Full PDB file with SEQRES, HELIX, SHEET, SSBOND, CRYST1, ORIGX, SCALE, CONECT and MASTER records, all heavy atoms in Angstrom:
SEQRES   1 A   39  LYS ALA GLY VAL PRO ALA GLY PRO ILE ASN ASP LEU ALA          
SEQRES   2 A   39  ASP VAL PHE ALA ASP PRO GLN VAL VAL ALA ARG LYS LEU          
SEQRES   3 A   39  ARG ILE ASP PRO PRO SER ALA HIS ALA LYS GLY GLY ALA          
HELIX    1 AA1 LEU A   12  ALA A   17  1                                   6    
HELIX    2 AA2 PRO A   19  ALA A   23  1                                   5    
HELIX    3 AA3 LYS A   36  GLY A   38  5                                   3    
CRYST1    1.000    1.000    1.000  90.00  90.00  90.00 P 1           1          
ORIGX1      1.000000  0.000000  0.000000        0.00000                         
ORIGX2      0.000000  1.000000  0.000000        0.00000                         
ORIGX3      0.000000  0.000000  1.000000        0.00000                         
SCALE1      1.000000  0.000000  0.000000        0.00000                         
SCALE2      0.000000  1.000000  0.000000        0.00000                         
SCALE3      0.000000  0.000000  1.000000        0.00000                         
ATOM      1  N   LYS A   1    -112.283 -22.316 225.935  1.00  0.00           N  
ATOM      2  CA  LYS A   1    -112.981 -22.499 227.217  1.00  0.00           C  
ATOM      3  C   LYS A   1    -112.034 -22.321 228.398  1.00  0.00           C  
ATOM      4  O   LYS A   1    -112.419 -21.815 229.454  1.00  0.00           O  
ATOM      5  CB  LYS A   1    -113.628 -23.874 227.255  1.00  0.00           C  
ATOM      6  CG  LYS A   1    -114.810 -24.034 226.312  1.00  0.00           C  
ATOM      7  CD  LYS A   1    -115.344 -25.465 226.323  1.00  0.00           C  
ATOM      8  CE  LYS A   1    -116.476 -25.631 225.325  1.00  0.00           C  
ATOM      9  NZ  LYS A   1    -116.949 -27.040 225.225  1.00  0.00           N  
ATOM     10  N   ALA A   2    -110.776 -22.729 228.208  1.00  0.00           N  
ATOM     11  CA  ALA A   2    -109.797 -22.628 229.292  1.00  0.00           C  
ATOM     12  C   ALA A   2    -109.206 -21.227 229.431  1.00  0.00           C  
ATOM     13  O   ALA A   2    -108.496 -20.942 230.397  1.00  0.00           O  
ATOM     14  CB  ALA A   2    -108.678 -23.637 229.065  1.00  0.00           C  
ATOM     15  N   GLY A   3    -109.459 -20.376 228.439  1.00  0.00           N  
ATOM     16  CA  GLY A   3    -108.908 -19.025 228.498  1.00  0.00           C  
ATOM     17  C   GLY A   3    -107.463 -18.941 228.044  1.00  0.00           C  
ATOM     18  O   GLY A   3    -106.719 -18.054 228.474  1.00  0.00           O  
ATOM     19  N   VAL A   4    -107.069 -19.860 227.152  1.00  0.00           N  
ATOM     20  CA  VAL A   4    -105.715 -19.857 226.596  1.00  0.00           C  
ATOM     21  C   VAL A   4    -105.796 -19.349 225.154  1.00  0.00           C  
ATOM     22  O   VAL A   4    -106.499 -19.940 224.335  1.00  0.00           O  
ATOM     23  CB  VAL A   4    -105.088 -21.268 226.628  1.00  0.00           C  
ATOM     24  CG1 VAL A   4    -103.690 -21.245 225.999  1.00  0.00           C  
ATOM     25  CG2 VAL A   4    -105.022 -21.778 228.062  1.00  0.00           C  
ATOM     26  N   PRO A   5    -105.098 -18.278 224.814  1.00  0.00           N  
ATOM     27  CA  PRO A   5    -105.197 -17.731 223.455  1.00  0.00           C  
ATOM     28  C   PRO A   5    -104.756 -18.735 222.398  1.00  0.00           C  
ATOM     29  O   PRO A   5    -103.695 -19.356 222.503  1.00  0.00           O  
ATOM     30  CB  PRO A   5    -104.256 -16.530 223.492  1.00  0.00           C  
ATOM     31  CG  PRO A   5    -104.167 -16.152 224.929  1.00  0.00           C  
ATOM     32  CD  PRO A   5    -104.252 -17.440 225.687  1.00  0.00           C  
ATOM     33  N   ALA A   6    -105.578 -18.881 221.358  1.00  0.00           N  
ATOM     34  CA  ALA A   6    -105.277 -19.807 220.259  1.00  0.00           C  
ATOM     35  C   ALA A   6    -106.067 -19.368 219.045  1.00  0.00           C  
ATOM     36  O   ALA A   6    -107.050 -18.623 219.146  1.00  0.00           O  
ATOM     37  CB  ALA A   6    -105.630 -21.234 220.655  1.00  0.00           C  
ATOM     38  N   GLY A   7    -105.647 -19.826 217.881  1.00  0.00           N  
ATOM     39  CA  GLY A   7    -106.367 -19.467 216.668  1.00  0.00           C  
ATOM     40  C   GLY A   7    -106.005 -20.368 215.513  1.00  0.00           C  
ATOM     41  O   GLY A   7    -104.978 -21.060 215.527  1.00  0.00           O  
ATOM     42  N   PRO A   8    -106.846 -20.362 214.478  1.00  0.00           N  
ATOM     43  CA  PRO A   8    -106.578 -21.166 213.282  1.00  0.00           C  
ATOM     44  C   PRO A   8    -105.568 -20.482 212.374  1.00  0.00           C  
ATOM     45  O   PRO A   8    -105.231 -19.307 212.558  1.00  0.00           O  
ATOM     46  CB  PRO A   8    -107.953 -21.231 212.614  1.00  0.00           C  
ATOM     47  CG  PRO A   8    -108.576 -19.908 212.966  1.00  0.00           C  
ATOM     48  CD  PRO A   8    -108.104 -19.599 214.374  1.00  0.00           C  
ATOM     49  N   ILE A   9    -105.088 -21.212 211.390  1.00  0.00           N  
ATOM     50  CA  ILE A   9    -104.232 -20.648 210.345  1.00  0.00           C  
ATOM     51  C   ILE A   9    -105.065 -20.628 209.071  1.00  0.00           C  
ATOM     52  O   ILE A   9    -105.253 -21.653 208.417  1.00  0.00           O  
ATOM     53  CB  ILE A   9    -102.942 -21.472 210.165  1.00  0.00           C  
ATOM     54  CG1 ILE A   9    -102.154 -21.475 211.478  1.00  0.00           C  
ATOM     55  CG2 ILE A   9    -102.099 -20.890 209.034  1.00  0.00           C  
ATOM     56  CD1 ILE A   9    -100.965 -22.410 211.473  1.00  0.00           C  
ATOM     57  N   ASN A  10    -105.601 -19.473 208.742  1.00  0.00           N  
ATOM     58  CA  ASN A  10    -106.560 -19.347 207.653  1.00  0.00           C  
ATOM     59  C   ASN A  10    -105.884 -19.085 206.317  1.00  0.00           C  
ATOM     60  O   ASN A  10    -104.909 -18.326 206.240  1.00  0.00           O  
ATOM     61  CB  ASN A  10    -107.529 -18.192 207.931  1.00  0.00           C  
ATOM     62  CG  ASN A  10    -108.476 -18.481 209.069  1.00  0.00           C  
ATOM     63  OD1 ASN A  10    -108.776 -19.634 209.358  1.00  0.00           O  
ATOM     64  ND2 ASN A  10    -108.973 -17.436 209.707  1.00  0.00           N  
ATOM     65  N   ASP A  11    -106.408 -19.695 205.254  1.00  0.00           N  
ATOM     66  CA  ASP A  11    -106.066 -19.202 203.925  1.00  0.00           C  
ATOM     67  C   ASP A  11    -106.997 -18.032 203.616  1.00  0.00           C  
ATOM     68  O   ASP A  11    -107.861 -17.667 204.425  1.00  0.00           O  
ATOM     69  CB  ASP A  11    -106.129 -20.311 202.874  1.00  0.00           C  
ATOM     70  CG  ASP A  11    -107.524 -20.926 202.723  1.00  0.00           C  
ATOM     71  OD1 ASP A  11    -108.523 -20.251 203.057  1.00  0.00           O  
ATOM     72  OD2 ASP A  11    -107.623 -22.082 202.268  1.00  0.00           O  
ATOM     73  N   LEU A  12    -106.841 -17.396 202.459  1.00  0.00           N  
ATOM     74  CA  LEU A  12    -107.614 -16.191 202.204  1.00  0.00           C  
ATOM     75  C   LEU A  12    -109.108 -16.473 202.047  1.00  0.00           C  
ATOM     76  O   LEU A  12    -109.942 -15.617 202.370  1.00  0.00           O  
ATOM     77  CB  LEU A  12    -107.069 -15.452 200.978  1.00  0.00           C  
ATOM     78  CG  LEU A  12    -105.637 -14.905 201.130  1.00  0.00           C  
ATOM     79  CD1 LEU A  12    -105.318 -13.935 200.004  1.00  0.00           C  
ATOM     80  CD2 LEU A  12    -105.414 -14.237 202.472  1.00  0.00           C  
ATOM     81  N   ALA A  13    -109.443 -17.671 201.570  1.00  0.00           N  
ATOM     82  CA  ALA A  13    -110.860 -18.033 201.511  1.00  0.00           C  
ATOM     83  C   ALA A  13    -111.442 -18.095 202.920  1.00  0.00           C  
ATOM     84  O   ALA A  13    -112.563 -17.627 203.174  1.00  0.00           O  
ATOM     85  CB  ALA A  13    -111.038 -19.364 200.784  1.00  0.00           C  
ATOM     86  N   ASP A  14    -110.669 -18.666 203.850  1.00  0.00           N  
ATOM     87  CA  ASP A  14    -111.111 -18.719 205.249  1.00  0.00           C  
ATOM     88  C   ASP A  14    -111.243 -17.313 205.834  1.00  0.00           C  
ATOM     89  O   ASP A  14    -112.178 -17.020 206.582  1.00  0.00           O  
ATOM     90  CB  ASP A  14    -110.112 -19.516 206.094  1.00  0.00           C  
ATOM     91  CG  ASP A  14    -109.983 -20.968 205.679  1.00  0.00           C  
ATOM     92  OD1 ASP A  14    -111.000 -21.556 205.259  1.00  0.00           O  
ATOM     93  OD2 ASP A  14    -108.866 -21.509 205.776  1.00  0.00           O  
ATOM     94  N   VAL A  15    -110.280 -16.453 205.495  1.00  0.00           N  
ATOM     95  CA  VAL A  15    -110.294 -15.097 206.039  1.00  0.00           C  
ATOM     96  C   VAL A  15    -111.592 -14.387 205.677  1.00  0.00           C  
ATOM     97  O   VAL A  15    -112.276 -13.816 206.539  1.00  0.00           O  
ATOM     98  CB  VAL A  15    -109.080 -14.292 205.517  1.00  0.00           C  
ATOM     99  CG1 VAL A  15    -109.233 -12.802 205.868  1.00  0.00           C  
ATOM    100  CG2 VAL A  15    -107.785 -14.836 206.095  1.00  0.00           C  
ATOM    101  N   PHE A  16    -111.947 -14.411 204.390  1.00  0.00           N  
ATOM    102  CA  PHE A  16    -113.106 -13.637 203.959  1.00  0.00           C  
ATOM    103  C   PHE A  16    -114.431 -14.307 204.295  1.00  0.00           C  
ATOM    104  O   PHE A  16    -115.493 -13.682 204.158  1.00  0.00           O  
ATOM    105  CB  PHE A  16    -112.996 -13.312 202.475  1.00  0.00           C  
ATOM    106  CG  PHE A  16    -111.891 -12.325 202.197  1.00  0.00           C  
ATOM    107  CD1 PHE A  16    -110.726 -12.722 201.558  1.00  0.00           C  
ATOM    108  CD2 PHE A  16    -111.995 -11.016 202.621  1.00  0.00           C  
ATOM    109  CE1 PHE A  16    -109.703 -11.822 201.329  1.00  0.00           C  
ATOM    110  CE2 PHE A  16    -110.976 -10.103 202.399  1.00  0.00           C  
ATOM    111  CZ  PHE A  16    -109.824 -10.510 201.751  1.00  0.00           C  
ATOM    112  N   ALA A  17    -114.366 -15.562 204.773  1.00  0.00           N  
ATOM    113  CA  ALA A  17    -115.568 -16.234 205.271  1.00  0.00           C  
ATOM    114  C   ALA A  17    -115.667 -16.168 206.783  1.00  0.00           C  
ATOM    115  O   ALA A  17    -116.686 -16.573 207.351  1.00  0.00           O  
ATOM    116  CB  ALA A  17    -115.563 -17.703 204.817  1.00  0.00           C  
ATOM    117  N   ASP A  18    -114.638 -15.668 207.447  1.00  0.00           N  
ATOM    118  CA  ASP A  18    -114.626 -15.623 208.907  1.00  0.00           C  
ATOM    119  C   ASP A  18    -115.746 -14.709 209.420  1.00  0.00           C  
ATOM    120  O   ASP A  18    -115.903 -13.581 208.942  1.00  0.00           O  
ATOM    121  CB  ASP A  18    -113.265 -15.108 209.391  1.00  0.00           C  
ATOM    122  CG  ASP A  18    -113.121 -15.200 210.896  1.00  0.00           C  
ATOM    123  OD1 ASP A  18    -113.726 -14.353 211.593  1.00  0.00           O  
ATOM    124  OD2 ASP A  18    -112.420 -16.102 211.380  1.00  0.00           O  
ATOM    125  N   PRO A  19    -116.525 -15.158 210.390  1.00  0.00           N  
ATOM    126  CA  PRO A  19    -117.654 -14.354 210.878  1.00  0.00           C  
ATOM    127  C   PRO A  19    -117.249 -12.967 211.382  1.00  0.00           C  
ATOM    128  O   PRO A  19    -118.010 -12.005 211.225  1.00  0.00           O  
ATOM    129  CB  PRO A  19    -118.242 -15.208 212.008  1.00  0.00           C  
ATOM    130  CG  PRO A  19    -117.812 -16.598 211.705  1.00  0.00           C  
ATOM    131  CD  PRO A  19    -116.476 -16.493 211.045  1.00  0.00           C  
ATOM    132  N   GLN A  20    -116.075 -12.853 211.989  1.00  0.00           N  
ATOM    133  CA  GLN A  20    -115.637 -11.546 212.483  1.00  0.00           C  
ATOM    134  C   GLN A  20    -115.296 -10.610 211.332  1.00  0.00           C  
ATOM    135  O   GLN A  20    -115.649  -9.420 211.350  1.00  0.00           O  
ATOM    136  CB  GLN A  20    -114.424 -11.710 213.413  1.00  0.00           C  
ATOM    137  CG  GLN A  20    -113.916 -10.416 214.022  1.00  0.00           C  
ATOM    138  CD  GLN A  20    -114.904  -9.787 215.007  1.00  0.00           C  
ATOM    139  OE1 GLN A  20    -115.811 -10.443 215.498  1.00  0.00           O  
ATOM    140  NE2 GLN A  20    -114.727  -8.511 215.283  1.00  0.00           N  
ATOM    141  N   VAL A  21    -114.614 -11.135 210.309  1.00  0.00           N  
ATOM    142  CA  VAL A  21    -114.271 -10.328 209.135  1.00  0.00           C  
ATOM    143  C   VAL A  21    -115.547  -9.901 208.411  1.00  0.00           C  
ATOM    144  O   VAL A  21    -115.668  -8.754 207.959  1.00  0.00           O  
ATOM    145  CB  VAL A  21    -113.332 -11.121 208.205  1.00  0.00           C  
ATOM    146  CG1 VAL A  21    -113.087 -10.366 206.902  1.00  0.00           C  
ATOM    147  CG2 VAL A  21    -112.002 -11.399 208.908  1.00  0.00           C  
ATOM    148  N   VAL A  22    -116.508 -10.814 208.330  1.00  0.00           N  
ATOM    149  CA  VAL A  22    -117.785 -10.491 207.694  1.00  0.00           C  
ATOM    150  C   VAL A  22    -118.527  -9.434 208.501  1.00  0.00           C  
ATOM    151  O   VAL A  22    -119.053  -8.451 207.955  1.00  0.00           O  
ATOM    152  CB  VAL A  22    -118.643 -11.762 207.539  1.00  0.00           C  
ATOM    153  CG1 VAL A  22    -120.046 -11.404 207.054  1.00  0.00           C  
ATOM    154  CG2 VAL A  22    -117.985 -12.750 206.580  1.00  0.00           C  
ATOM    155  N   ALA A  23    -118.555  -9.600 209.834  1.00  0.00           N  
ATOM    156  CA  ALA A  23    -119.272  -8.655 210.689  1.00  0.00           C  
ATOM    157  C   ALA A  23    -118.664  -7.257 210.625  1.00  0.00           C  
ATOM    158  O   ALA A  23    -119.390  -6.250 210.682  1.00  0.00           O  
ATOM    159  CB  ALA A  23    -119.269  -9.158 212.134  1.00  0.00           C  
ATOM    160  N   ARG A  24    -117.345  -7.179 210.479  1.00  0.00           N  
ATOM    161  CA  ARG A  24    -116.679  -5.879 210.412  1.00  0.00           C  
ATOM    162  C   ARG A  24    -116.706  -5.278 209.007  1.00  0.00           C  
ATOM    163  O   ARG A  24    -116.229  -4.171 208.788  1.00  0.00           O  
ATOM    164  CB  ARG A  24    -115.221  -6.016 210.880  1.00  0.00           C  
ATOM    165  CG  ARG A  24    -115.068  -6.429 212.337  1.00  0.00           C  
ATOM    166  CD  ARG A  24    -115.437  -5.315 213.285  1.00  0.00           C  
ATOM    167  NE  ARG A  24    -114.422  -4.252 213.297  1.00  0.00           N  
ATOM    168  CZ  ARG A  24    -114.509  -3.157 214.029  1.00  0.00           C  
ATOM    169  NH1 ARG A  24    -115.572  -2.946 214.782  1.00  0.00           N  
ATOM    170  NH2 ARG A  24    -113.556  -2.251 214.004  1.00  0.00           N  
ATOM    171  N   LYS A  25    -117.277  -6.034 208.046  1.00  0.00           N  
ATOM    172  CA  LYS A  25    -117.458  -5.563 206.667  1.00  0.00           C  
ATOM    173  C   LYS A  25    -116.138  -5.095 206.058  1.00  0.00           C  
ATOM    174  O   LYS A  25    -116.053  -4.028 205.438  1.00  0.00           O  
ATOM    175  CB  LYS A  25    -118.509  -4.447 206.626  1.00  0.00           C  
ATOM    176  CG  LYS A  25    -119.878  -4.912 207.101  1.00  0.00           C  
ATOM    177  CD  LYS A  25    -120.903  -3.779 207.062  1.00  0.00           C  
ATOM    178  CE  LYS A  25    -122.260  -4.269 207.555  1.00  0.00           C  
ATOM    179  NZ  LYS A  25    -123.275  -3.189 207.578  1.00  0.00           N  
ATOM    180  N   LEU A  26    -115.097  -5.923 206.209  1.00  0.00           N  
ATOM    181  CA  LEU A  26    -113.783  -5.569 205.671  1.00  0.00           C  
ATOM    182  C   LEU A  26    -113.719  -5.730 204.158  1.00  0.00           C  
ATOM    183  O   LEU A  26    -112.998  -5.004 203.482  1.00  0.00           O  
ATOM    184  CB  LEU A  26    -112.704  -6.417 206.349  1.00  0.00           C  
ATOM    185  CG  LEU A  26    -112.401  -5.981 207.784  1.00  0.00           C  
ATOM    186  CD1 LEU A  26    -111.687  -7.067 208.563  1.00  0.00           C  
ATOM    187  CD2 LEU A  26    -111.580  -4.703 207.792  1.00  0.00           C  
ATOM    188  N   ARG A  27    -114.471  -6.680 203.618  1.00  0.00           N  
ATOM    189  CA  ARG A  27    -114.549  -6.776 202.159  1.00  0.00           C  
ATOM    190  C   ARG A  27    -115.526  -5.718 201.664  1.00  0.00           C  
ATOM    191  O   ARG A  27    -116.605  -5.518 202.224  1.00  0.00           O  
ATOM    192  CB  ARG A  27    -115.024  -8.157 201.709  1.00  0.00           C  
ATOM    193  CG  ARG A  27    -115.284  -8.160 200.199  1.00  0.00           C  
ATOM    194  CD  ARG A  27    -115.685  -9.461 199.612  1.00  0.00           C  
ATOM    195  NE  ARG A  27    -116.100  -9.251 198.224  1.00  0.00           N  
ATOM    196  CZ  ARG A  27    -116.058 -10.161 197.267  1.00  0.00           C  
ATOM    197  NH1 ARG A  27    -115.636 -11.376 197.538  1.00  0.00           N  
ATOM    198  NH2 ARG A  27    -116.467  -9.874 196.040  1.00  0.00           N  
ATOM    199  N   ILE A  28    -115.116  -5.053 200.602  1.00  0.00           N  
ATOM    200  CA  ILE A  28    -115.990  -4.056 199.983  1.00  0.00           C  
ATOM    201  C   ILE A  28    -116.084  -4.350 198.490  1.00  0.00           C  
ATOM    202  O   ILE A  28    -115.242  -5.052 197.916  1.00  0.00           O  
ATOM    203  CB  ILE A  28    -115.460  -2.629 200.207  1.00  0.00           C  
ATOM    204  CG1 ILE A  28    -114.019  -2.509 199.682  1.00  0.00           C  
ATOM    205  CG2 ILE A  28    -115.564  -2.233 201.673  1.00  0.00           C  
ATOM    206  CD1 ILE A  28    -113.481  -1.103 199.678  1.00  0.00           C  
ATOM    207  N   ASP A  29    -117.100  -3.798 197.858  1.00  0.00           N  
ATOM    208  CA  ASP A  29    -117.302  -3.968 196.421  1.00  0.00           C  
ATOM    209  C   ASP A  29    -117.709  -2.626 195.822  1.00  0.00           C  
ATOM    210  O   ASP A  29    -118.873  -2.426 195.462  1.00  0.00           O  
ATOM    211  CB  ASP A  29    -118.363  -5.042 196.155  1.00  0.00           C  
ATOM    212  CG  ASP A  29    -117.890  -6.433 196.548  1.00  0.00           C  
ATOM    213  OD1 ASP A  29    -117.165  -7.051 195.746  1.00  0.00           O  
ATOM    214  OD2 ASP A  29    -118.214  -6.886 197.661  1.00  0.00           O  
ATOM    215  N   PRO A  30    -116.744  -1.692 195.707  1.00  0.00           N  
ATOM    216  CA  PRO A  30    -117.075  -0.388 195.143  1.00  0.00           C  
ATOM    217  C   PRO A  30    -117.615  -0.530 193.722  1.00  0.00           C  
ATOM    218  O   PRO A  30    -117.052  -1.270 192.905  1.00  0.00           O  
ATOM    219  CB  PRO A  30    -115.731   0.356 195.142  1.00  0.00           C  
ATOM    220  CG  PRO A  30    -114.884  -0.370 196.126  1.00  0.00           C  
ATOM    221  CD  PRO A  30    -115.328  -1.790 196.065  1.00  0.00           C  
ATOM    222  N   PRO A  31    -118.697   0.169 193.410  1.00  0.00           N  
ATOM    223  CA  PRO A  31    -119.287   0.032 192.075  1.00  0.00           C  
ATOM    224  C   PRO A  31    -118.381   0.570 190.980  1.00  0.00           C  
ATOM    225  O   PRO A  31    -117.667   1.553 191.158  1.00  0.00           O  
ATOM    226  CB  PRO A  31    -120.578   0.855 192.179  1.00  0.00           C  
ATOM    227  CG  PRO A  31    -120.345   1.808 193.299  1.00  0.00           C  
ATOM    228  CD  PRO A  31    -119.452   1.098 194.270  1.00  0.00           C  
ATOM    229  N   SER A  32    -118.422  -0.115 189.845  1.00  0.00           N  
ATOM    230  CA  SER A  32    -117.663   0.302 188.670  1.00  0.00           C  
ATOM    231  C   SER A  32    -118.523   0.055 187.447  1.00  0.00           C  
ATOM    232  O   SER A  32    -118.977  -1.073 187.214  1.00  0.00           O  
ATOM    233  CB  SER A  32    -116.355  -0.484 188.550  1.00  0.00           C  
ATOM    234  OG  SER A  32    -115.745  -0.265 187.295  1.00  0.00           O  
ATOM    235  N   ALA A  33    -118.732   1.112 186.664  1.00  0.00           N  
ATOM    236  CA  ALA A  33    -119.609   0.989 185.498  1.00  0.00           C  
ATOM    237  C   ALA A  33    -119.030   0.068 184.438  1.00  0.00           C  
ATOM    238  O   ALA A  33    -119.766  -0.462 183.602  1.00  0.00           O  
ATOM    239  CB  ALA A  33    -119.863   2.381 184.905  1.00  0.00           C  
ATOM    240  N   HIS A  34    -117.702  -0.127 184.469  1.00  0.00           N  
ATOM    241  CA  HIS A  34    -117.067  -0.879 183.390  1.00  0.00           C  
ATOM    242  C   HIS A  34    -116.704  -2.307 183.773  1.00  0.00           C  
ATOM    243  O   HIS A  34    -116.480  -3.152 182.901  1.00  0.00           O  
ATOM    244  CB  HIS A  34    -115.803  -0.145 182.937  1.00  0.00           C  
ATOM    245  CG  HIS A  34    -116.038   1.290 182.582  1.00  0.00           C  
ATOM    246  ND1 HIS A  34    -116.820   1.682 181.517  1.00  0.00           N  
ATOM    247  CD2 HIS A  34    -115.625   2.438 183.181  1.00  0.00           C  
ATOM    248  CE1 HIS A  34    -116.871   2.999 181.454  1.00  0.00           C  
ATOM    249  NE2 HIS A  34    -116.146   3.482 182.452  1.00  0.00           N  
ATOM    250  N   ALA A  35    -116.635  -2.610 185.063  1.00  0.00           N  
ATOM    251  CA  ALA A  35    -116.176  -3.926 185.494  1.00  0.00           C  
ATOM    252  C   ALA A  35    -117.270  -4.974 185.352  1.00  0.00           C  
ATOM    253  O   ALA A  35    -118.464  -4.684 185.500  1.00  0.00           O  
ATOM    254  CB  ALA A  35    -115.705  -3.869 186.945  1.00  0.00           C  
ATOM    255  N   LYS A  36    -116.844  -6.188 185.071  1.00  0.00           N  
ATOM    256  CA  LYS A  36    -117.778  -7.308 185.006  1.00  0.00           C  
ATOM    257  C   LYS A  36    -118.446  -7.470 186.373  1.00  0.00           C  
ATOM    258  O   LYS A  36    -117.779  -7.508 187.399  1.00  0.00           O  
ATOM    259  CB  LYS A  36    -117.017  -8.581 184.647  1.00  0.00           C  
ATOM    260  CG  LYS A  36    -117.897  -9.788 184.394  1.00  0.00           C  
ATOM    261  CD  LYS A  36    -117.052 -10.972 183.933  1.00  0.00           C  
ATOM    262  CE  LYS A  36    -117.926 -12.191 183.649  1.00  0.00           C  
ATOM    263  NZ  LYS A  36    -117.104 -13.336 183.161  1.00  0.00           N  
ATOM    264  N   GLY A  37    -119.756  -7.552 186.377  1.00  0.00           N  
ATOM    265  CA  GLY A  37    -120.480  -7.652 187.640  1.00  0.00           C  
ATOM    266  C   GLY A  37    -120.759  -6.313 188.293  1.00  0.00           C  
ATOM    267  O   GLY A  37    -121.415  -6.254 189.329  1.00  0.00           O  
ATOM    268  N   GLY A  38    -120.217  -5.223 187.710  1.00  0.00           N  
ATOM    269  CA  GLY A  38    -120.541  -3.893 188.200  1.00  0.00           C  
ATOM    270  C   GLY A  38    -119.771  -3.417 189.405  1.00  0.00           C  
ATOM    271  O   GLY A  38    -120.106  -2.377 189.989  1.00  0.00           O  
ATOM    272  N   ALA A  39    -118.733  -4.159 189.826  1.00  0.00           N  
ATOM    273  CA  ALA A  39    -117.959  -3.749 191.007  1.00  0.00           C  
ATOM    274  C   ALA A  39    -116.556  -4.329 190.926  1.00  0.00           C  
ATOM    275  O   ALA A  39    -116.310  -5.309 190.220  1.00  0.00           O  
ATOM    276  CB  ALA A  39    -118.650  -4.208 192.290  1.00  0.00           C  
TER     277      ALA A  39                                                      
MASTER        0    0    0    3    0    0    0    6  276    1    0    3          
END                                                                             
């Protein structure tokens, strides 16, 4: 609110749950016929 740059220190679970990371679709799941779950 004050306009002072700040941020959290995320672990990787936090990173991939972050709304900005989700919105930018940085995680991908390329399909694989052989992998468990198909990707």
